[in-house]
Structures are given as C-alpha cells and as structure tokens.
C-alpha cells in the first residue's frame, strides 16, 4: 500500500503542477478527490505498518491537496 500511495502522490503532484497552466485550472476539481483517495491509501498503509513509504505517500497526497485548494482559491474556483 505504501508504494501505491507514493505513486498516487507523484501522479497527483504532477497533475497539480499541470493545473497551474492557465485554462487548465479545472483539473484541480478532479485532482483533489484523486489525491484524497491516495491519502486514504497512505493512511491505511501507515496503520498496517508500512511506515516510511506509506507516510511519504500520505505527505505527497496531502501536499497535492493543499496545492489544489490553494490554486482554486487564487483562481476564484472556491467561493
């Protein structure tokens, strides 16, 4: 579960960086739930004992969520 969470987090961060391109900010609406699922997987992995990889995946996904929410906030996507 830890490896899946890390890969999920990397994909989420790449998606978040792509969504910083003008006119692609709508991608954050799909990236945030995607990253939430990765964070849940990382949380379960951390509970099951895969500490280092699962925690890294959890951190990557939470970072992606924070970037997505920030981008939606500055772009006027969240009212």
PDB file of N, CA and C in Angstrom:
ATOM      1  N   UNK A   1       0.815  -1.196   0.000  1.00  0.00           N
ATOM      2  CA  UNK A   1       0.000   0.000   0.000  1.00  0.00           C
ATOM      3  C   UNK A   1       0.856   1.257   0.000  1.00  0.00           C
ATOM      4  N   UNK A   2       2.037   1.156   0.588  1.00  0.00           N
ATOM      5  CA  UNK A   2       2.913   2.312   0.638  1.00  0.00           C
ATOM      6  C   UNK A   2       3.390   2.734  -0.741  1.00  0.00           C
ATOM      7  N   UNK A   3       3.757   1.755  -1.572  1.00  0.00           N
ATOM      8  CA  UNK A   3       4.237   2.058  -2.923  1.00  0.00           C
ATOM      9  C   UNK A   3       3.108   2.656  -3.754  1.00  0.00           C
ATOM     10  N   UNK A   4       1.919   2.098  -3.617  1.00  0.00           N
ATOM     11  CA  UNK A   4       0.768   2.624  -4.358  1.00  0.00           C
ATOM     12  C   UNK A   4       0.495   4.068  -3.949  1.00  0.00           C
ATOM     13  N   UNK A   5       0.580   4.345  -2.665  1.00  0.00           N
ATOM     14  CA  UNK A   5       0.330   5.699  -2.175  1.00  0.00           C
ATOM     15  C   UNK A   5       1.390   6.683  -2.682  1.00  0.00           C
ATOM     16  N   UNK A   6       2.644   6.254  -2.716  1.00  0.00           N
ATOM     17  CA  UNK A   6       3.711   7.132  -3.224  1.00  0.00           C
ATOM     18  C   UNK A   6       3.497   7.423  -4.705  1.00  0.00           C
ATOM     19  N   UNK A   7       3.206   6.389  -5.485  1.00  0.00           N
ATOM     20  CA  UNK A   7       2.953   6.603  -6.914  1.00  0.00           C
ATOM     21  C   UNK A   7       1.724   7.482  -7.137  1.00  0.00           C
ATOM     22  N   UNK A   8       0.700   7.258  -6.334  1.00  0.00           N
ATOM     23  CA  UNK A   8      -0.526   8.068  -6.409  1.00  0.00           C
ATOM     24  C   UNK A   8      -0.198   9.531  -6.091  1.00  0.00           C
ATOM     25  N   UNK A   9       0.652   9.746  -5.074  1.00  0.00           N
ATOM     26  CA  UNK A   9       1.046  11.099  -4.700  1.00  0.00           C
ATOM     27  C   UNK A   9       1.861  11.790  -5.776  1.00  0.00           C
ATOM     28  N   UNK A  10       2.761  11.039  -6.418  1.00  0.00           N
ATOM     29  CA  UNK A  10       3.559  11.626  -7.508  1.00  0.00           C
ATOM     30  C   UNK A  10       2.650  12.025  -8.660  1.00  0.00           C
ATOM     31  N   UNK A  11       1.715  11.148  -9.023  1.00  0.00           N
ATOM     32  CA  UNK A  11       0.769  11.493 -10.089  1.00  0.00           C
ATOM     33  C   UNK A  11      -0.089  12.693  -9.708  1.00  0.00           C
ATOM     34  N   UNK A  12      -0.500  12.763  -8.462  1.00  0.00           N
ATOM     35  CA  UNK A  12      -1.303  13.906  -8.002  1.00  0.00           C
ATOM     36  C   UNK A  12      -0.518  15.200  -8.083  1.00  0.00           C
ATOM     37  N   UNK A  13       0.753  15.161  -7.678  1.00  0.00           N
ATOM     38  CA  UNK A  13       1.569  16.381  -7.743  1.00  0.00           C
ATOM     39  C   UNK A  13       1.825  16.806  -9.182  1.00  0.00           C
ATOM     40  N   UNK A  14       2.066  15.846 -10.061  1.00  0.00           N
ATOM     41  CA  UNK A  14       2.248  16.190 -11.471  1.00  0.00           C
ATOM     42  C   UNK A  14       0.976  16.802 -12.047  1.00  0.00           C
ATOM     43  N   UNK A  15      -0.158  16.238 -11.673  1.00  0.00           N
ATOM     44  CA  UNK A  15      -1.449  16.759 -12.114  1.00  0.00           C
ATOM     45  C   UNK A  15      -1.677  18.163 -11.558  1.00  0.00           C
ATOM     46  N   UNK A  16      -1.266  18.388 -10.304  1.00  0.00           N
ATOM     47  CA  UNK A  16      -1.422  19.710  -9.694  1.00  0.00           C
ATOM     48  C   UNK A  16      -0.549  20.743 -10.405  1.00  0.00           C
ATOM     49  N   UNK A  17       0.657  20.347 -10.775  1.00  0.00           N
ATOM     50  CA  UNK A  17       1.541  21.277 -11.485  1.00  0.00           C
ATOM     51  C   UNK A  17       0.992  21.580 -12.879  1.00  0.00           C
ATOM     52  N   UNK A  18       0.411  20.586 -13.526  1.00  0.00           N
ATOM     53  CA  UNK A  18      -0.196  20.794 -14.836  1.00  0.00           C
ATOM     54  C   UNK A  18      -1.383  21.746 -14.732  1.00  0.00           C
ATOM     55  N   UNK A  19      -2.104  21.676 -13.622  1.00  0.00           N
ATOM     56  CA  UNK A  19      -3.283  22.526 -13.431  1.00  0.00           C
ATOM     57  C   UNK A  19      -2.912  23.980 -13.155  1.00  0.00           C
ATOM     58  N   UNK A  20      -1.624  24.296 -12.958  1.00  0.00           N
ATOM     59  CA  UNK A  20      -1.211  25.686 -12.803  1.00  0.00           C
ATOM     60  C   UNK A  20      -1.146  26.416 -14.139  1.00  0.00           C
ATOM     61  N   UNK A  21      -1.190  25.673 -15.234  1.00  0.00           N
ATOM     62  CA  UNK A  21      -1.189  26.289 -16.556  1.00  0.00           C
ATOM     63  C   UNK A  21      -2.543  26.981 -16.749  1.00  0.00           C
ATOM     64  N   UNK A  22      -2.527  28.218 -17.235  1.00  0.00           N
ATOM     65  CA  UNK A  22      -3.799  28.916 -17.438  1.00  0.00           C
ATOM     66  C   UNK A  22      -4.749  28.101 -18.326  1.00  0.00           C
ATOM     67  N   UNK A  23      -6.004  28.153 -18.020  1.00  0.00           N
ATOM     68  CA  UNK A  23      -7.105  27.452 -18.668  1.00  0.00           C
ATOM     69  C   UNK A  23      -7.135  25.953 -18.358  1.00  0.00           C
ATOM     70  N   UNK A  24      -6.208  25.453 -17.517  1.00  0.00           N
ATOM     71  CA  UNK A  24      -6.246  24.054 -17.098  1.00  0.00           C
ATOM     72  C   UNK A  24      -6.524  23.934 -15.603  1.00  0.00           C
ATOM     73  N   UNK A  25      -6.908  25.029 -14.980  1.00  0.00           N
ATOM     74  CA  UNK A  25      -7.195  25.022 -13.552  1.00  0.00           C
ATOM     75  C   UNK A  25      -8.372  24.151 -13.178  1.00  0.00           C
ATOM     76  N   UNK A  26      -9.240  23.854 -14.126  1.00  0.00           N
ATOM     77  CA  UNK A  26     -10.374  22.969 -13.871  1.00  0.00           C
ATOM     78  C   UNK A  26      -9.906  21.569 -13.476  1.00  0.00           C
ATOM     79  N   UNK A  27      -8.671  21.222 -13.816  1.00  0.00           N
ATOM     80  CA  UNK A  27      -8.133  19.914 -13.464  1.00  0.00           C
ATOM     81  C   UNK A  27      -8.024  19.698 -11.965  1.00  0.00           C
ATOM     82  N   UNK A  28      -7.988  20.793 -11.202  1.00  0.00           N
ATOM     83  CA  UNK A  28      -7.921  20.666  -9.745  1.00  0.00           C
ATOM     84  C   UNK A  28      -9.183  20.037  -9.175  1.00  0.00           C
ATOM     85  N   UNK A  29     -10.319  20.248  -9.829  1.00  0.00           N
ATOM     86  CA  UNK A  29     -11.561  19.660  -9.345  1.00  0.00           C
ATOM     87  C   UNK A  29     -11.523  18.141  -9.431  1.00  0.00           C
ATOM     88  N   UNK A  30     -10.703  17.594 -10.325  1.00  0.00           N
ATOM     89  CA  UNK A  30     -10.562  16.144 -10.447  1.00  0.00           C
ATOM     90  C   UNK A  30      -9.358  15.634  -9.676  1.00  0.00           C
ATOM     91  N   UNK A  31      -8.323  16.474  -9.536  1.00  0.00           N
ATOM     92  CA  UNK A  31      -7.101  16.068  -8.860  1.00  0.00           C
ATOM     93  C   UNK A  31      -7.299  15.959  -7.350  1.00  0.00           C
ATOM     94  N   UNK A  32      -8.069  16.841  -6.758  1.00  0.00           N
ATOM     95  CA  UNK A  32      -8.235  16.828  -5.303  1.00  0.00           C
ATOM     96  C   UNK A  32      -8.889  15.527  -4.817  1.00  0.00           C
ATOM     97  N   UNK A  33     -10.005  15.067  -5.413  1.00  0.00           N
ATOM     98  CA  UNK A  33     -10.542  13.770  -4.963  1.00  0.00           C
ATOM     99  C   UNK A  33      -9.586  12.613  -5.243  1.00  0.00           C
ATOM    100  N   UNK A  34      -8.839  12.690  -6.348  1.00  0.00           N
ATOM    101  CA  UNK A  34      -7.834  11.679  -6.674  1.00  0.00           C
ATOM    102  C   UNK A  34      -6.780  11.610  -5.572  1.00  0.00           C
ATOM    103  N   UNK A  35      -6.315  12.778  -5.106  1.00  0.00           N
ATOM    104  CA  UNK A  35      -5.310  12.830  -4.039  1.00  0.00           C
ATOM    105  C   UNK A  35      -5.893  12.397  -2.696  1.00  0.00           C
ATOM    106  N   UNK A  36      -7.161  12.660  -2.467  1.00  0.00           N
ATOM    107  CA  UNK A  36      -7.801  12.217  -1.215  1.00  0.00           C
ATOM    108  C   UNK A  36      -7.803  10.692  -1.141  1.00  0.00           C
ATOM    109  N   UNK A  37      -8.082  10.038  -2.252  1.00  0.00           N
ATOM    110  CA  UNK A  37      -8.044   8.569  -2.283  1.00  0.00           C
ATOM    111  C   UNK A  37      -6.625   8.081  -1.996  1.00  0.00           C
ATOM    112  N   UNK A  38      -5.623   8.740  -2.575  1.00  0.00           N
ATOM    113  CA  UNK A  38      -4.236   8.372  -2.298  1.00  0.00           C
ATOM    114  C   UNK A  38      -3.860   8.580  -0.848  1.00  0.00           C
ATOM    115  N   UNK A  39      -4.385   9.640  -0.238  1.00  0.00           N
ATOM    116  CA  UNK A  39      -4.116   9.885   1.180  1.00  0.00           C
ATOM    117  C   UNK A  39      -4.770   8.815   2.053  1.00  0.00           C
ATOM    118  N   UNK A  40      -5.951   8.379   1.676  1.00  0.00           N
ATOM    119  CA  UNK A  40      -6.612   7.308   2.424  1.00  0.00           C
ATOM    120  C   UNK A  40      -5.808   6.015   2.314  1.00  0.00           C
ATOM    121  N   UNK A  41      -5.323   5.713   1.124  1.00  0.00           N
ATOM    122  CA  UNK A  41      -4.489   4.519   0.939  1.00  0.00           C
ATOM    123  C   UNK A  41      -3.221   4.629   1.782  1.00  0.00           C
ATOM    124  N   UNK A  42      -2.591   5.808   1.784  1.00  0.00           N
ATOM    125  CA  UNK A  42      -1.403   6.017   2.609  1.00  0.00           C
ATOM    126  C   UNK A  42      -1.687   5.903   4.093  1.00  0.00           C
ATOM    127  N   UNK A  43      -2.848   6.390   4.511  1.00  0.00           N
ATOM    128  CA  UNK A  43      -3.232   6.276   5.916  1.00  0.00           C
ATOM    129  C   UNK A  43      -3.423   4.831   6.337  1.00  0.00           C
ATOM    130  N   UNK A  44      -4.090   4.050   5.490  1.00  0.00           N
ATOM    131  CA  UNK A  44      -4.259   2.627   5.783  1.00  0.00           C
ATOM    132  C   UNK A  44      -2.911   1.920   5.804  1.00  0.00           C
ATOM    133  N   UNK A  45      -2.032   2.284   4.877  1.00  0.00           N
ATOM    134  CA  UNK A  45      -0.703   1.673   4.853  1.00  0.00           C
ATOM    135  C   UNK A  45       0.091   1.991   6.103  1.00  0.00           C
ATOM    136  N   UNK A  46      -0.029   3.211   6.591  1.00  0.00           N
ATOM    137  CA  UNK A  46       0.680   3.592   7.819  1.00  0.00           C
ATOM    138  C   UNK A  46       0.116   2.838   9.025  1.00  0.00           C
ATOM    139  N   UNK A  47      -1.185   2.614   9.028  1.00  0.00           N
ATOM    140  CA  UNK A  47      -1.788   1.857  10.127  1.00  0.00           C
ATOM    141  C   UNK A  47      -1.388   0.386  10.096  1.00  0.00           C
ATOM    142  N   UNK A  48      -1.155  -0.143   8.897  1.00  0.00           N
ATOM    143  CA  UNK A  48      -0.806  -1.548   8.762  1.00  0.00           C
ATOM    144  C   UNK A  48       0.676  -1.828   8.964  1.00  0.00           C
ATOM    145  N   UNK A  49       1.482  -0.790   9.078  1.00  0.00           N
ATOM    146  CA  UNK A  49       2.882  -0.990   9.418  1.00  0.00           C
ATOM    147  C   UNK A  49       3.888  -0.639   8.337  1.00  0.00           C
ATOM    148  N   UNK A  50       3.462  -0.247   7.152  1.00  0.00           N
ATOM    149  CA  UNK A  50       4.396   0.176   6.107  1.00  0.00           C
ATOM    150  C   UNK A  50       4.724   1.657   6.338  1.00  0.00           C
ATOM    151  N   UNK A  51       5.469   1.929   7.363  1.00  0.00           N
ATOM    152  CA  UNK A  51       5.600   3.297   7.849  1.00  0.00           C
ATOM    153  C   UNK A  51       6.245   4.262   6.869  1.00  0.00           C
ATOM    154  N   UNK A  52       7.451   3.990   6.396  1.00  0.00           N
ATOM    155  CA  UNK A  52       8.177   5.005   5.642  1.00  0.00           C
ATOM    156  C   UNK A  52       7.517   5.322   4.305  1.00  0.00           C
ATOM    157  N   UNK A  53       7.196   4.320   3.513  1.00  0.00           N
ATOM    158  CA  UNK A  53       6.592   4.576   2.207  1.00  0.00           C
ATOM    159  C   UNK A  53       5.171   5.108   2.341  1.00  0.00           C
ATOM    160  N   UNK A  54       4.423   4.556   3.235  1.00  0.00           N
ATOM    161  CA  UNK A  54       3.035   4.997   3.399  1.00  0.00           C
ATOM    162  C   UNK A  54       2.982   6.437   3.906  1.00  0.00           C
ATOM    163  N   UNK A  55       3.861   6.778   4.830  1.00  0.00           N
ATOM    164  CA  UNK A  55       3.888   8.165   5.321  1.00  0.00           C
ATOM    165  C   UNK A  55       4.339   9.125   4.231  1.00  0.00           C
ATOM    166  N   UNK A  56       5.301   8.693   3.417  1.00  0.00           N
ATOM    167  CA  UNK A  56       5.749   9.542   2.305  1.00  0.00           C
ATOM    168  C   UNK A  56       4.607   9.752   1.315  1.00  0.00           C
ATOM    169  N   UNK A  57       3.879   8.698   1.004  1.00  0.00           N
ATOM    170  CA  UNK A  57       2.726   8.830   0.114  1.00  0.00           C
ATOM    171  C   UNK A  57       1.648   9.709   0.704  1.00  0.00           C
ATOM    172  N   UNK A  58       1.426   9.582   1.997  1.00  0.00           N
ATOM    173  CA  UNK A  58       0.438  10.418   2.677  1.00  0.00           C
ATOM    174  C   UNK A  58       0.838  11.892   2.595  1.00  0.00           C
ATOM    175  N   UNK A  59       2.109  12.174   2.824  1.00  0.00           N
ATOM    176  CA  UNK A  59       2.595  13.558   2.757  1.00  0.00           C
ATOM    177  C   UNK A  59       2.471  14.101   1.336  1.00  0.00           C
ATOM    178  N   UNK A  60       2.833  13.306   0.328  1.00  0.00           N
ATOM    179  CA  UNK A  60       2.730  13.764  -1.061  1.00  0.00           C
ATOM    180  C   UNK A  60       1.283  14.072  -1.435  1.00  0.00           C
ATOM    181  N   UNK A  61       0.378  13.220  -1.019  1.00  0.00           N
ATOM    182  CA  UNK A  61      -1.033  13.445  -1.352  1.00  0.00           C
ATOM    183  C   UNK A  61      -1.612  14.646  -0.622  1.00  0.00           C
ATOM    184  N   UNK A  62      -1.247  14.828   0.633  1.00  0.00           N
ATOM    185  CA  UNK A  62      -1.725  15.998   1.374  1.00  0.00           C
ATOM    186  C   UNK A  62      -1.150  17.278   0.764  1.00  0.00           C
ATOM    187  N   UNK A  63       0.103  17.222   0.331  1.00  0.00           N
ATOM    188  CA  UNK A  63       0.709  18.374  -0.339  1.00  0.00           C
ATOM    189  C   UNK A  63      -0.030  18.685  -1.639  1.00  0.00           C
ATOM    190  N   UNK A  64      -0.379  17.661  -2.397  1.00  0.00           N
ATOM    191  CA  UNK A  64      -1.124  17.864  -3.636  1.00  0.00           C
ATOM    192  C   UNK A  64      -2.502  18.462  -3.353  1.00  0.00           C
ATOM    193  N   UNK A  65      -3.147  18.002  -2.299  1.00  0.00           N
ATOM    194  CA  UNK A  65      -4.450  18.569  -1.921  1.00  0.00           C
ATOM    195  C   UNK A  65      -4.300  20.041  -1.561  1.00  0.00           C
ATOM    196  N   UNK A  66      -3.271  20.371  -0.790  1.00  0.00           N
ATOM    197  CA  UNK A  66      -3.051  21.766  -0.395  1.00  0.00           C
ATOM    198  C   UNK A  66      -2.765  22.648  -1.616  1.00  0.00           C
ATOM    199  N   UNK A  67      -1.973  22.160  -2.545  1.00  0.00           N
ATOM    200  CA  UNK A  67      -1.681  22.928  -3.758  1.00  0.00           C
ATOM    201  C   UNK A  67      -2.954  23.128  -4.574  1.00  0.00           C
ATOM    202  N   UNK A  68      -3.771  22.082  -4.701  1.00  0.00           N
ATOM    203  CA  UNK A  68      -5.014  22.190  -5.457  1.00  0.00           C
ATOM    204  C   UNK A  68      -5.993  23.165  -4.840  1.00  0.00           C
ATOM    205  N   UNK A  69      -6.138  23.115  -3.531  1.00  0.00           N
ATOM    206  CA  UNK A  69      -7.051  24.046  -2.849  1.00  0.00           C
ATOM    207  C   UNK A  69      -6.526  25.475  -2.968  1.00  0.00           C
ATOM    208  N   UNK A  70      -5.207  25.658  -2.837  1.00  0.00           N
ATOM    209  CA  UNK A  70      -4.619  26.993  -2.987  1.00  0.00           C
ATOM    210  C   UNK A  70      -4.874  27.527  -4.395  1.00  0.00           C
ATOM    211  N   UNK A  71      -4.679  26.678  -5.397  1.00  0.00           N
ATOM    212  CA  UNK A  71      -4.869  27.112  -6.787  1.00  0.00           C
ATOM    213  C   UNK A  71      -6.330  27.464  -7.053  1.00  0.00           C
ATOM    214  N   UNK A  72      -7.232  26.677  -6.504  1.00  0.00           N
ATOM    215  CA  UNK A  72      -8.653  27.004  -6.685  1.00  0.00           C
ATOM    216  C   UNK A  72      -9.020  28.290  -5.961  1.00  0.00           C
ATOM    217  N   UNK A  73      -8.386  28.529  -4.830  1.00  0.00           N
ATOM    218  CA  UNK A  73      -8.666  29.749  -4.065  1.00  0.00           C
ATOM    219  C   UNK A  73      -8.201  30.993  -4.808  1.00  0.00           C
ATOM    220  N   UNK A  74      -6.971  30.962  -5.335  1.00  0.00           N
ATOM    221  CA  UNK A  74      -6.469  32.153  -6.026  1.00  0.00           C
ATOM    222  C   UNK A  74      -7.102  32.341  -7.398  1.00  0.00           C
ATOM    223  N   UNK A  75      -7.601  31.255  -7.968  1.00  0.00           N
ATOM    224  CA  UNK A  75      -8.227  31.350  -9.287  1.00  0.00           C
ATOM    225  C   UNK A  75      -9.706  31.658  -9.238  1.00  0.00           C
ATOM    226  N   UNK A  76     -10.285  31.733  -8.055  1.00  0.00           N
ATOM    227  CA  UNK A  76     -11.699  32.033  -7.921  1.00  0.00           C
ATOM    228  C   UNK A  76     -12.571  30.804  -8.064  1.00  0.00           C
ATOM    229  N   UNK A  77     -11.990  29.604  -7.989  1.00  0.00           N
ATOM    230  CA  UNK A  77     -12.773  28.376  -8.123  1.00  0.00           C
ATOM    231  C   UNK A  77     -13.536  28.017  -6.873  1.00  0.00           C
ATOM    232  N   UNK A  78     -13.076  28.538  -5.726  1.00  0.00           N
ATOM    233  CA  UNK A  78     -13.780  28.323  -4.459  1.00  0.00           C
ATOM    234  C   UNK A  78     -14.383  29.637  -4.034  1.00  0.00           C
ATOM    235  N   UNK A  79     -15.679  29.629  -3.822  1.00  0.00           N
ATOM    236  CA  UNK A  79     -16.335  30.885  -3.417  1.00  0.00           C
ATOM    237  C   UNK A  79     -16.856  30.722  -2.018  1.00  0.00           C
TER     238      UNK A  79
END
